[in-house]
Amino acid sequence: MTDILEFLKSLGDTSEQVYDNVQGYDVVGEPKKATKCAIAVLLKKRFDIVEASVAPTGILLTVKGNTRLIIVPPKGICKFIVDFDNGKYSKLIKE
C-alpha cells in the first residue's frame, strides 16, 4: 500500500500537475464513474489491482486474494478527481 500512496503523491500536488503526469501513462477514463476514472484505470494498469474505485474522499482498492485497501488520496489527486468528474481534462476522457 505504501508503494501505491507514494505513486499517487508523485503525480503532483495540484490538479494540473496530476493531469500532466497522468497523460504520460496513456490512460483514459470516464467522468463520474468511480471505477472508470482515469486514476482508477491508471492504478489498475500500474499495480496488481483487480478493482479500483476512486472518489475525492477515498480510494477503495481490491487486490488479488480479494484483499481490500482504503487509501486517503493526496490533495492533488482529490482535486484532480473533482476536476475530471466536472469534465476538465478532455484529453483523458474516453470517447
PDB file of N, CA and C in Angstrom:
ATOM      1  N   MET A   1       0.821  -1.190   0.000  1.00  0.00           N
ATOM      2  CA  MET A   1       0.000   0.000   0.000  1.00  0.00           C
ATOM      3  C   MET A   1       0.865   1.253   0.000  1.00  0.00           C
ATOM      4  N   THR A   2       1.989   1.194   0.653  1.00  0.00           N
ATOM      5  CA  THR A   2       2.889   2.343   0.694  1.00  0.00           C
ATOM      6  C   THR A   2       3.338   2.717  -0.712  1.00  0.00           C
ATOM      7  N   ASP A   3       3.617   1.710  -1.548  1.00  0.00           N
ATOM      8  CA  ASP A   3       4.024   1.973  -2.933  1.00  0.00           C
ATOM      9  C   ASP A   3       2.937   2.731  -3.694  1.00  0.00           C
ATOM     10  N   ILE A   4       1.706   2.337  -3.485  1.00  0.00           N
ATOM     11  CA  ILE A   4       0.591   2.977  -4.188  1.00  0.00           C
ATOM     12  C   ILE A   4       0.441   4.422  -3.737  1.00  0.00           C
ATOM     13  N   LEU A   5       0.499   4.645  -2.441  1.00  0.00           N
ATOM     14  CA  LEU A   5       0.366   6.007  -1.921  1.00  0.00           C
ATOM     15  C   LEU A   5       1.517   6.888  -2.388  1.00  0.00           C
ATOM     16  N   GLU A   6       2.724   6.360  -2.375  1.00  0.00           N
ATOM     17  CA  GLU A   6       3.880   7.125  -2.857  1.00  0.00           C
ATOM     18  C   GLU A   6       3.734   7.452  -4.343  1.00  0.00           C
ATOM     19  N   PHE A   7       3.228   6.491  -5.104  1.00  0.00           N
ATOM     20  CA  PHE A   7       2.999   6.730  -6.525  1.00  0.00           C
ATOM     21  C   PHE A   7       1.985   7.857  -6.725  1.00  0.00           C
ATOM     22  N   LEU A   8       0.887   7.801  -5.982  1.00  0.00           N
ATOM     23  CA  LEU A   8      -0.127   8.852  -6.094  1.00  0.00           C
ATOM     24  C   LEU A   8       0.454  10.214  -5.734  1.00  0.00           C
ATOM     25  N   LYS A   9       1.244  10.268  -4.682  1.00  0.00           N
ATOM     26  CA  LYS A   9       1.881  11.533  -4.285  1.00  0.00           C
ATOM     27  C   LYS A   9       2.815  12.041  -5.374  1.00  0.00           C
ATOM     28  N   SER A  10       3.484  11.119  -6.057  1.00  0.00           N
ATOM     29  CA  SER A  10       4.456  11.512  -7.087  1.00  0.00           C
ATOM     30  C   SER A  10       3.791  12.137  -8.314  1.00  0.00           C
ATOM     31  N   LEU A  11       2.496  11.958  -8.450  1.00  0.00           N
ATOM     32  CA  LEU A  11       1.794  12.509  -9.610  1.00  0.00           C
ATOM     33  C   LEU A  11       1.615  14.022  -9.528  1.00  0.00           C
ATOM     34  N   GLY A  12       1.741  14.583  -8.337  1.00  0.00           N
ATOM     35  CA  GLY A  12       1.689  16.037  -8.236  1.00  0.00           C
ATOM     36  C   GLY A  12       0.895  16.545  -7.058  1.00  0.00           C
ATOM     37  N   ASP A  13       1.134  17.819  -6.766  1.00  0.00           N
ATOM     38  CA  ASP A  13       0.478  18.481  -5.644  1.00  0.00           C
ATOM     39  C   ASP A  13      -0.757  19.275  -6.057  1.00  0.00           C
ATOM     40  N   THR A  14      -0.928  19.473  -7.362  1.00  0.00           N
ATOM     41  CA  THR A  14      -2.086  20.210  -7.862  1.00  0.00           C
ATOM     42  C   THR A  14      -2.794  19.357  -8.914  1.00  0.00           C
ATOM     43  N   SER A  15      -4.019  19.727  -9.189  1.00  0.00           N
ATOM     44  CA  SER A  15      -4.788  19.027 -10.208  1.00  0.00           C
ATOM     45  C   SER A  15      -4.079  19.071 -11.563  1.00  0.00           C
ATOM     46  N   GLU A  16      -3.519  20.228 -11.899  1.00  0.00           N
ATOM     47  CA  GLU A  16      -2.839  20.393 -13.189  1.00  0.00           C
ATOM     48  C   GLU A  16      -1.580  19.525 -13.282  1.00  0.00           C
ATOM     49  N   GLN A  17      -0.827  19.444 -12.188  1.00  0.00           N
ATOM     50  CA  GLN A  17       0.367  18.585 -12.179  1.00  0.00           C
ATOM     51  C   GLN A  17      -0.028  17.127 -12.356  1.00  0.00           C
ATOM     52  N   VAL A  18      -1.095  16.714 -11.664  1.00  0.00           N
ATOM     53  CA  VAL A  18      -1.574  15.336 -11.802  1.00  0.00           C
ATOM     54  C   VAL A  18      -1.979  15.076 -13.245  1.00  0.00           C
ATOM     55  N   TYR A  19      -2.715  16.001 -13.826  1.00  0.00           N
ATOM     56  CA  TYR A  19      -3.135  15.873 -15.227  1.00  0.00           C
ATOM     57  C   TYR A  19      -1.931  15.700 -16.147  1.00  0.00           C
ATOM     58  N   ASP A  20      -0.950  16.566 -16.008  1.00  0.00           N
ATOM     59  CA  ASP A  20       0.252  16.481 -16.849  1.00  0.00           C
ATOM     60  C   ASP A  20       0.932  15.127 -16.715  1.00  0.00           C
ATOM     61  N   ASN A  21       1.042  14.629 -15.495  1.00  0.00           N
ATOM     62  CA  ASN A  21       1.726  13.356 -15.268  1.00  0.00           C
ATOM     63  C   ASN A  21       0.904  12.155 -15.715  1.00  0.00           C
ATOM     64  N   VAL A  22      -0.396  12.192 -15.503  1.00  0.00           N
ATOM     65  CA  VAL A  22      -1.246  11.065 -15.896  1.00  0.00           C
ATOM     66  C   VAL A  22      -1.246  10.898 -17.418  1.00  0.00           C
ATOM     67  N   GLN A  23      -1.156  11.994 -18.156  1.00  0.00           N
ATOM     68  CA  GLN A  23      -1.100  11.914 -19.622  1.00  0.00           C
ATOM     69  C   GLN A  23       0.035  11.009 -20.107  1.00  0.00           C
ATOM     70  N   GLY A  24       1.129  10.996 -19.367  1.00  0.00           N
ATOM     71  CA  GLY A  24       2.286  10.190 -19.758  1.00  0.00           C
ATOM     72  C   GLY A  24       2.077   8.694 -19.641  1.00  0.00           C
ATOM     73  N   TYR A  25       0.985   8.267 -19.019  1.00  0.00           N
ATOM     74  CA  TYR A  25       0.721   6.836 -18.829  1.00  0.00           C
ATOM     75  C   TYR A  25      -0.252   6.262 -19.848  1.00  0.00           C
ATOM     76  N   ASP A  26      -0.681   7.082 -20.803  1.00  0.00           N
ATOM     77  CA  ASP A  26      -1.548   6.617 -21.886  1.00  0.00           C
ATOM     78  C   ASP A  26      -2.799   5.917 -21.359  1.00  0.00           C
ATOM     79  N   VAL A  27      -3.533   6.613 -20.488  1.00  0.00           N
ATOM     80  CA  VAL A  27      -4.800   6.092 -19.987  1.00  0.00           C
ATOM     81  C   VAL A  27      -5.897   7.117 -20.253  1.00  0.00           C
ATOM     82  N   VAL A  28      -7.113   6.623 -20.383  1.00  0.00           N
ATOM     83  CA  VAL A  28      -8.290   7.474 -20.478  1.00  0.00           C
ATOM     84  C   VAL A  28      -9.340   6.900 -19.535  1.00  0.00           C
ATOM     85  N   GLY A  29     -10.280   7.738 -19.155  1.00  0.00           N
ATOM     86  CA  GLY A  29     -11.315   7.287 -18.239  1.00  0.00           C
ATOM     87  C   GLY A  29     -12.632   7.955 -18.536  1.00  0.00           C
ATOM     88  N   GLU A  30     -13.596   7.682 -17.662  1.00  0.00           N
ATOM     89  CA  GLU A  30     -14.935   8.228 -17.814  1.00  0.00           C
ATOM     90  C   GLU A  30     -15.291   9.023 -16.569  1.00  0.00           C
ATOM     91  N   PRO A  31     -15.627  10.307 -16.747  1.00  0.00           N
ATOM     92  CA  PRO A  31     -16.016  11.126 -15.595  1.00  0.00           C
ATOM     93  C   PRO A  31     -17.248  10.567 -14.878  1.00  0.00           C
ATOM     94  N   LYS A  32     -17.302  10.806 -13.588  1.00  0.00           N
ATOM     95  CA  LYS A  32     -18.444  10.447 -12.736  1.00  0.00           C
ATOM     96  C   LYS A  32     -18.696   8.950 -12.670  1.00  0.00           C
ATOM     97  N   LYS A  33     -17.682   8.157 -12.977  1.00  0.00           N
ATOM     98  CA  LYS A  33     -17.760   6.701 -12.841  1.00  0.00           C
ATOM     99  C   LYS A  33     -16.546   6.271 -12.013  1.00  0.00           C
ATOM    100  N   ALA A  34     -16.782   5.998 -10.760  1.00  0.00           N
ATOM    101  CA  ALA A  34     -15.699   5.776  -9.798  1.00  0.00           C
ATOM    102  C   ALA A  34     -14.718   4.686 -10.223  1.00  0.00           C
ATOM    103  N   THR A  35     -15.205   3.653 -10.889  1.00  0.00           N
ATOM    104  CA  THR A  35     -14.315   2.561 -11.285  1.00  0.00           C
ATOM    105  C   THR A  35     -13.674   2.791 -12.657  1.00  0.00           C
ATOM    106  N   LYS A  36     -14.083   3.870 -13.333  1.00  0.00           N
ATOM    107  CA  LYS A  36     -13.550   4.134 -14.667  1.00  0.00           C
ATOM    108  C   LYS A  36     -12.863   5.488 -14.780  1.00  0.00           C
ATOM    109  N   CYS A  37     -12.675   6.155 -13.651  1.00  0.00           N
ATOM    110  CA  CYS A  37     -11.933   7.417 -13.618  1.00  0.00           C
ATOM    111  C   CYS A  37     -10.509   7.149 -14.114  1.00  0.00           C
ATOM    112  N   ALA A  38      -9.895   8.142 -14.690  1.00  0.00           N
ATOM    113  CA  ALA A  38      -8.528   7.970 -15.197  1.00  0.00           C
ATOM    114  C   ALA A  38      -7.575   7.478 -14.098  1.00  0.00           C
ATOM    115  N   ILE A  39      -7.784   7.903 -12.861  1.00  0.00           N
ATOM    116  CA  ILE A  39      -6.932   7.451 -11.757  1.00  0.00           C
ATOM    117  C   ILE A  39      -7.159   5.966 -11.482  1.00  0.00           C
ATOM    118  N   ALA A  40      -8.415   5.522 -11.503  1.00  0.00           N
ATOM    119  CA  ALA A  40      -8.715   4.100 -11.305  1.00  0.00           C
ATOM    120  C   ALA A  40      -8.071   3.258 -12.404  1.00  0.00           C
ATOM    121  N   VAL A  41      -8.205   3.709 -13.635  1.00  0.00           N
ATOM    122  CA  VAL A  41      -7.617   2.993 -14.772  1.00  0.00           C
ATOM    123  C   VAL A  41      -6.094   2.929 -14.622  1.00  0.00           C
ATOM    124  N   LEU A  42      -5.495   4.039 -14.243  1.00  0.00           N
ATOM    125  CA  LEU A  42      -4.045   4.099 -14.070  1.00  0.00           C
ATOM    126  C   LEU A  42      -3.577   3.152 -12.964  1.00  0.00           C
ATOM    127  N   LEU A  43      -4.259   3.135 -11.841  1.00  0.00           N
ATOM    128  CA  LEU A  43      -3.855   2.257 -10.741  1.00  0.00           C
ATOM    129  C   LEU A  43      -3.946   0.793 -11.139  1.00  0.00           C
ATOM    130  N   LYS A  44      -4.995   0.419 -11.880  1.00  0.00           N
ATOM    131  CA  LYS A  44      -5.121  -0.973 -12.344  1.00  0.00           C
ATOM    132  C   LYS A  44      -4.021  -1.324 -13.343  1.00  0.00           C
ATOM    133  N   LYS A  45      -3.644  -0.361 -14.147  1.00  0.00           N
ATOM    134  CA  LYS A  45      -2.597  -0.594 -15.141  1.00  0.00           C
ATOM    135  C   LYS A  45      -1.210  -0.706 -14.482  1.00  0.00           C
ATOM    136  N   ARG A  46      -0.974   0.103 -13.488  1.00  0.00           N
ATOM    137  CA  ARG A  46       0.359   0.235 -12.880  1.00  0.00           C
ATOM    138  C   ARG A  46       0.648  -0.809 -11.792  1.00  0.00           C
ATOM    139  N   PHE A  47      -0.406  -1.235 -11.091  1.00  0.00           N
ATOM    140  CA  PHE A  47      -0.243  -2.161  -9.974  1.00  0.00           C
ATOM    141  C   PHE A  47      -1.088  -3.421 -10.191  1.00  0.00           C
ATOM    142  N   ASP A  48      -0.883  -4.411  -9.356  1.00  0.00           N
ATOM    143  CA  ASP A  48      -1.613  -5.670  -9.440  1.00  0.00           C
ATOM    144  C   ASP A  48      -2.951  -5.518  -8.707  1.00  0.00           C
ATOM    145  N   ILE A  49      -3.842  -4.717  -9.309  1.00  0.00           N
ATOM    146  CA  ILE A  49      -5.115  -4.380  -8.681  1.00  0.00           C
ATOM    147  C   ILE A  49      -6.256  -4.943  -9.526  1.00  0.00           C
ATOM    148  N   VAL A  50      -7.172  -5.631  -8.861  1.00  0.00           N
ATOM    149  CA  VAL A  50      -8.322  -6.219  -9.537  1.00  0.00           C
ATOM    150  C   VAL A  50      -9.383  -5.153  -9.801  1.00  0.00           C
ATOM    151  N   GLU A  51      -9.657  -4.320  -8.792  1.00  0.00           N
ATOM    152  CA  GLU A  51     -10.667  -3.281  -8.926  1.00  0.00           C
ATOM    153  C   GLU A  51     -10.221  -2.038  -8.170  1.00  0.00           C
ATOM    154  N   ALA A  52     -10.522  -0.887  -8.743  1.00  0.00           N
ATOM    155  CA  ALA A  52     -10.225   0.388  -8.098  1.00  0.00           C
ATOM    156  C   ALA A  52     -11.445   1.278  -8.239  1.00  0.00           C
ATOM    157  N   SER A  53     -11.841   1.868  -7.135  1.00  0.00           N
ATOM    158  CA  SER A  53     -12.967   2.787  -7.121  1.00  0.00           C
ATOM    159  C   SER A  53     -12.487   4.071  -6.444  1.00  0.00           C
ATOM    160  N   VAL A  54     -12.570   5.182  -7.163  1.00  0.00           N
ATOM    161  CA  VAL A  54     -11.999   6.421  -6.634  1.00  0.00           C
ATOM    162  C   VAL A  54     -13.058   7.484  -6.392  1.00  0.00           C
ATOM    163  N   ALA A  55     -12.807   8.258  -5.367  1.00  0.00           N
ATOM    164  CA  ALA A  55     -13.616   9.422  -5.021  1.00  0.00           C
ATOM    165  C   ALA A  55     -12.663  10.408  -4.366  1.00  0.00           C
ATOM    166  N   PRO A  56     -13.032  11.682  -4.304  1.00  0.00           N
ATOM    167  CA  PRO A  56     -12.140  12.659  -3.682  1.00  0.00           C
ATOM    168  C   PRO A  56     -11.842  12.353  -2.207  1.00  0.00           C
ATOM    169  N   THR A  57     -12.722  11.614  -1.566  1.00  0.00           N
ATOM    170  CA  THR A  57     -12.540  11.329  -0.137  1.00  0.00           C
ATOM    171  C   THR A  57     -11.834  10.014   0.149  1.00  0.00           C
ATOM    172  N   GLY A  58     -11.738   9.137  -0.853  1.00  0.00           N
ATOM    173  CA  GLY A  58     -11.080   7.861  -0.617  1.00  0.00           C
ATOM    174  C   GLY A  58     -10.986   7.018  -1.870  1.00  0.00           C
ATOM    175  N   ILE A  59     -10.012   6.137  -1.856  1.00  0.00           N
ATOM    176  CA  ILE A  59      -9.813   5.196  -2.958  1.00  0.00           C
ATOM    177  C   ILE A  59      -9.915   3.797  -2.377  1.00  0.00           C
ATOM    178  N   LEU A  60     -10.845   3.006  -2.905  1.00  0.00           N
ATOM    179  CA  LEU A  60     -11.021   1.624  -2.472  1.00  0.00           C
ATOM    180  C   LEU A  60     -10.387   0.722  -3.517  1.00  0.00           C
ATOM    181  N   LEU A  61      -9.445  -0.086  -3.087  1.00  0.00           N
ATOM    182  CA  LEU A  61      -8.738  -0.991  -3.990  1.00  0.00           C
ATOM    183  C   LEU A  61      -9.000  -2.435  -3.578  1.00  0.00           C
ATOM    184  N   THR A  62      -9.206  -3.286  -4.557  1.00  0.00           N
ATOM    185  CA  THR A  62      -9.287  -4.716  -4.324  1.00  0.00           C
ATOM    186  C   THR A  62      -8.102  -5.334  -5.046  1.00  0.00           C
ATOM    187  N   VAL A  63      -7.273  -6.024  -4.286  1.00  0.00           N
ATOM    188  CA  VAL A  63      -6.093  -6.666  -4.850  1.00  0.00           C
ATOM    189  C   VAL A  63      -6.334  -8.167  -4.912  1.00  0.00           C
ATOM    190  N   LYS A  64      -5.431  -8.883  -5.570  1.00  0.00           N
ATOM    191  CA  LYS A  64      -5.580 -10.336  -5.681  1.00  0.00           C
ATOM    192  C   LYS A  64      -5.733 -10.946  -4.300  1.00  0.00           C
ATOM    193  N   GLY A  65      -6.537 -11.984  -4.220  1.00  0.00           N
ATOM    194  CA  GLY A  65      -6.820 -12.595  -2.942  1.00  0.00           C
ATOM    195  C   GLY A  65      -8.015 -11.937  -2.271  1.00  0.00           C
ATOM    196  N   ASN A  66      -8.659 -11.006  -2.986  1.00  0.00           N
ATOM    197  CA  ASN A  66      -9.834 -10.284  -2.512  1.00  0.00           C
ATOM    198  C   ASN A  66      -9.577  -9.402  -1.290  1.00  0.00           C
ATOM    199  N   THR A  67      -8.335  -9.008  -1.103  1.00  0.00           N
ATOM    200  CA  THR A  67      -7.992  -8.083  -0.027  1.00  0.00           C
ATOM    201  C   THR A  67      -8.387  -6.682  -0.456  1.00  0.00           C
ATOM    202  N   ARG A  68      -9.013  -5.953   0.450  1.00  0.00           N
ATOM    203  CA  ARG A  68      -9.433  -4.586   0.141  1.00  0.00           C
ATOM    204  C   ARG A  68      -8.616  -3.595   0.953  1.00  0.00           C
ATOM    205  N   LEU A  69      -8.247  -2.525   0.281  1.00  0.00           N
ATOM    206  CA  LEU A  69      -7.487  -1.449   0.912  1.00  0.00           C
ATOM    207  C   LEU A  69      -8.219  -0.140   0.691  1.00  0.00           C
ATOM    208  N   ILE A  70      -8.173   0.726   1.679  1.00  0.00           N
ATOM    209  CA  ILE A  70      -8.728   2.068   1.533  1.00  0.00           C
ATOM    210  C   ILE A  70      -7.585   3.056   1.709  1.00  0.00           C
ATOM    211  N   ILE A  71      -7.466   3.952   0.744  1.00  0.00           N
ATOM    212  CA  ILE A  71      -6.402   4.958   0.765  1.00  0.00           C
ATOM    213  C   ILE A  71      -7.049   6.343   0.755  1.00  0.00           C
ATOM    214  N   VAL A  72      -6.574   7.208   1.628  1.00  0.00           N
ATOM    215  CA  VAL A  72      -6.983   8.609   1.573  1.00  0.00           C
ATOM    216  C   VAL A  72      -6.086   9.268   0.527  1.00  0.00           C
ATOM    217  N   PRO A  73      -6.664   9.756  -0.569  1.00  0.00           N
ATOM    218  CA  PRO A  73      -5.835  10.302  -1.648  1.00  0.00           C
ATOM    219  C   PRO A  73      -5.161  11.611  -1.253  1.00  0.00           C
ATOM    220  N   PRO A  74      -3.951  11.825  -1.778  1.00  0.00           N
ATOM    221  CA  PRO A  74      -3.282  13.114  -1.563  1.00  0.00           C
ATOM    222  C   PRO A  74      -4.118  14.254  -2.159  1.00  0.00           C
ATOM    223  N   LYS A  75      -3.863  15.466  -1.683  1.00  0.00           N
ATOM    224  CA  LYS A  75      -4.640  16.642  -2.084  1.00  0.00           C
ATOM    225  C   LYS A  75      -4.718  16.837  -3.598  1.00  0.00           C
ATOM    226  N   GLY A  76      -3.594  16.700  -4.294  1.00  0.00           N
ATOM    227  CA  GLY A  76      -3.584  16.888  -5.743  1.00  0.00           C
ATOM    228  C   GLY A  76      -4.493  15.899  -6.458  1.00  0.00           C
ATOM    229  N   ILE A  77      -4.508  14.659  -5.987  1.00  0.00           N
ATOM    230  CA  ILE A  77      -5.365  13.625  -6.562  1.00  0.00           C
ATOM    231  C   ILE A  77      -6.830  13.959  -6.296  1.00  0.00           C
ATOM    232  N   CYS A  78      -7.143  14.395  -5.077  1.00  0.00           N
ATOM    233  CA  CYS A  78      -8.525  14.784  -4.730  1.00  0.00           C
ATOM    234  C   CYS A  78      -9.043  15.844  -5.687  1.00  0.00           C
ATOM    235  N   LYS A  79      -8.266  16.884  -5.873  1.00  0.00           N
ATOM    236  CA  LYS A  79      -8.672  17.984  -6.744  1.00  0.00           C
ATOM    237  C   LYS A  79      -8.796  17.508  -8.189  1.00  0.00           C
ATOM    238  N   PHE A  80      -7.858  16.675  -8.629  1.00  0.00           N
ATOM    239  CA  PHE A  80      -7.924  16.138  -9.986  1.00  0.00           C
ATOM    240  C   PHE A  80      -9.224  15.367 -10.195  1.00  0.00           C
ATOM    241  N   ILE A  81      -9.606  14.524  -9.253  1.00  0.00           N
ATOM    242  CA  ILE A  81     -10.822  13.718  -9.384  1.00  0.00           C
ATOM    243  C   ILE A  81     -12.044  14.626  -9.542  1.00  0.00           C
ATOM    244  N   VAL A  82     -12.119  15.665  -8.735  1.00  0.00           N
ATOM    245  CA  VAL A  82     -13.236  16.615  -8.835  1.00  0.00           C
ATOM    246  C   VAL A  82     -13.229  17.285 -10.213  1.00  0.00           C
ATOM    247  N   ASP A  83     -12.083  17.771 -10.634  1.00  0.00           N
ATOM    248  CA  ASP A  83     -11.983  18.440 -11.936  1.00  0.00           C
ATOM    249  C   ASP A  83     -12.310  17.484 -13.085  1.00  0.00           C
ATOM    250  N   PHE A  84     -11.785  16.268 -13.006  1.00  0.00           N
ATOM    251  CA  PHE A  84     -12.041  15.264 -14.043  1.00  0.00           C
ATOM    252  C   PHE A  84     -13.541  14.963 -14.119  1.00  0.00           C
ATOM    253  N   ASP A  85     -14.177  14.781 -12.968  1.00  0.00           N
ATOM    254  CA  ASP A  85     -15.613  14.499 -12.947  1.00  0.00           C
ATOM    255  C   ASP A  85     -16.432  15.661 -13.496  1.00  0.00           C
ATOM    256  N   ASN A  86     -15.903  16.868 -13.416  1.00  0.00           N
ATOM    257  CA  ASN A  86     -16.596  18.047 -13.950  1.00  0.00           C
ATOM    258  C   ASN A  86     -16.280  18.291 -15.434  1.00  0.00           C
ATOM    259  N   GLY A  87     -15.584  17.344 -16.065  1.00  0.00           N
ATOM    260  CA  GLY A  87     -15.343  17.430 -17.500  1.00  0.00           C
ATOM    261  C   GLY A  87     -14.062  18.118 -17.917  1.00  0.00           C
ATOM    262  N   LYS A  88     -13.261  18.516 -16.943  1.00  0.00           N
ATOM    263  CA  LYS A  88     -11.976  19.132 -17.276  1.00  0.00           C
ATOM    264  C   LYS A  88     -11.036  18.018 -17.750  1.00  0.00           C
ATOM    265  N   TYR A  89     -10.031  18.383 -18.495  1.00  0.00           N
ATOM    266  CA  TYR A  89      -9.010  17.436 -18.977  1.00  0.00           C
ATOM    267  C   TYR A  89      -9.573  16.478 -20.027  1.00  0.00           C
ATOM    268  N   SER A  90     -10.122  17.056 -21.073  1.00  0.00           N
ATOM    269  CA  SER A  90     -10.772  16.265 -22.130  1.00  0.00           C
ATOM    270  C   SER A  90      -9.841  15.246 -22.795  1.00  0.00           C
ATOM    271  N   LYS A  91      -8.536  15.496 -22.768  1.00  0.00           N
ATOM    272  CA  LYS A  91      -7.600  14.544 -23.371  1.00  0.00           C
ATOM    273  C   LYS A  91      -7.586  13.204 -22.635  1.00  0.00           C
ATOM    274  N   LEU A  92      -8.045  13.206 -21.401  1.00  0.00           N
ATOM    275  CA  LEU A  92      -8.070  11.970 -20.611  1.00  0.00           C
ATOM    276  C   LEU A  92      -9.445  11.326 -20.565  1.00  0.00           C
ATOM    277  N   ILE A  93     -10.422  11.932 -21.271  1.00  0.00           N
ATOM    278  CA  ILE A  93     -11.775  11.404 -21.258  1.00  0.00           C
ATOM    279  C   ILE A  93     -11.963  10.450 -22.433  1.00  0.00           C
ATOM    280  N   LYS A  94     -12.427   9.259 -22.110  1.00  0.00           N
ATOM    281  CA  LYS A  94     -12.664   8.228 -23.135  1.00  0.00           C
ATOM    282  C   LYS A  94     -13.774   8.680 -24.066  1.00  0.00           C
ATOM    283  N   GLU A  95     -13.515   8.539 -25.349  1.00  0.00           N
ATOM    284  CA  GLU A  95     -14.516   8.947 -26.354  1.00  0.00           C
ATOM    285  C   GLU A  95     -15.477   7.829 -26.655  1.00  0.00           C
TER     286      GLU A  95
END
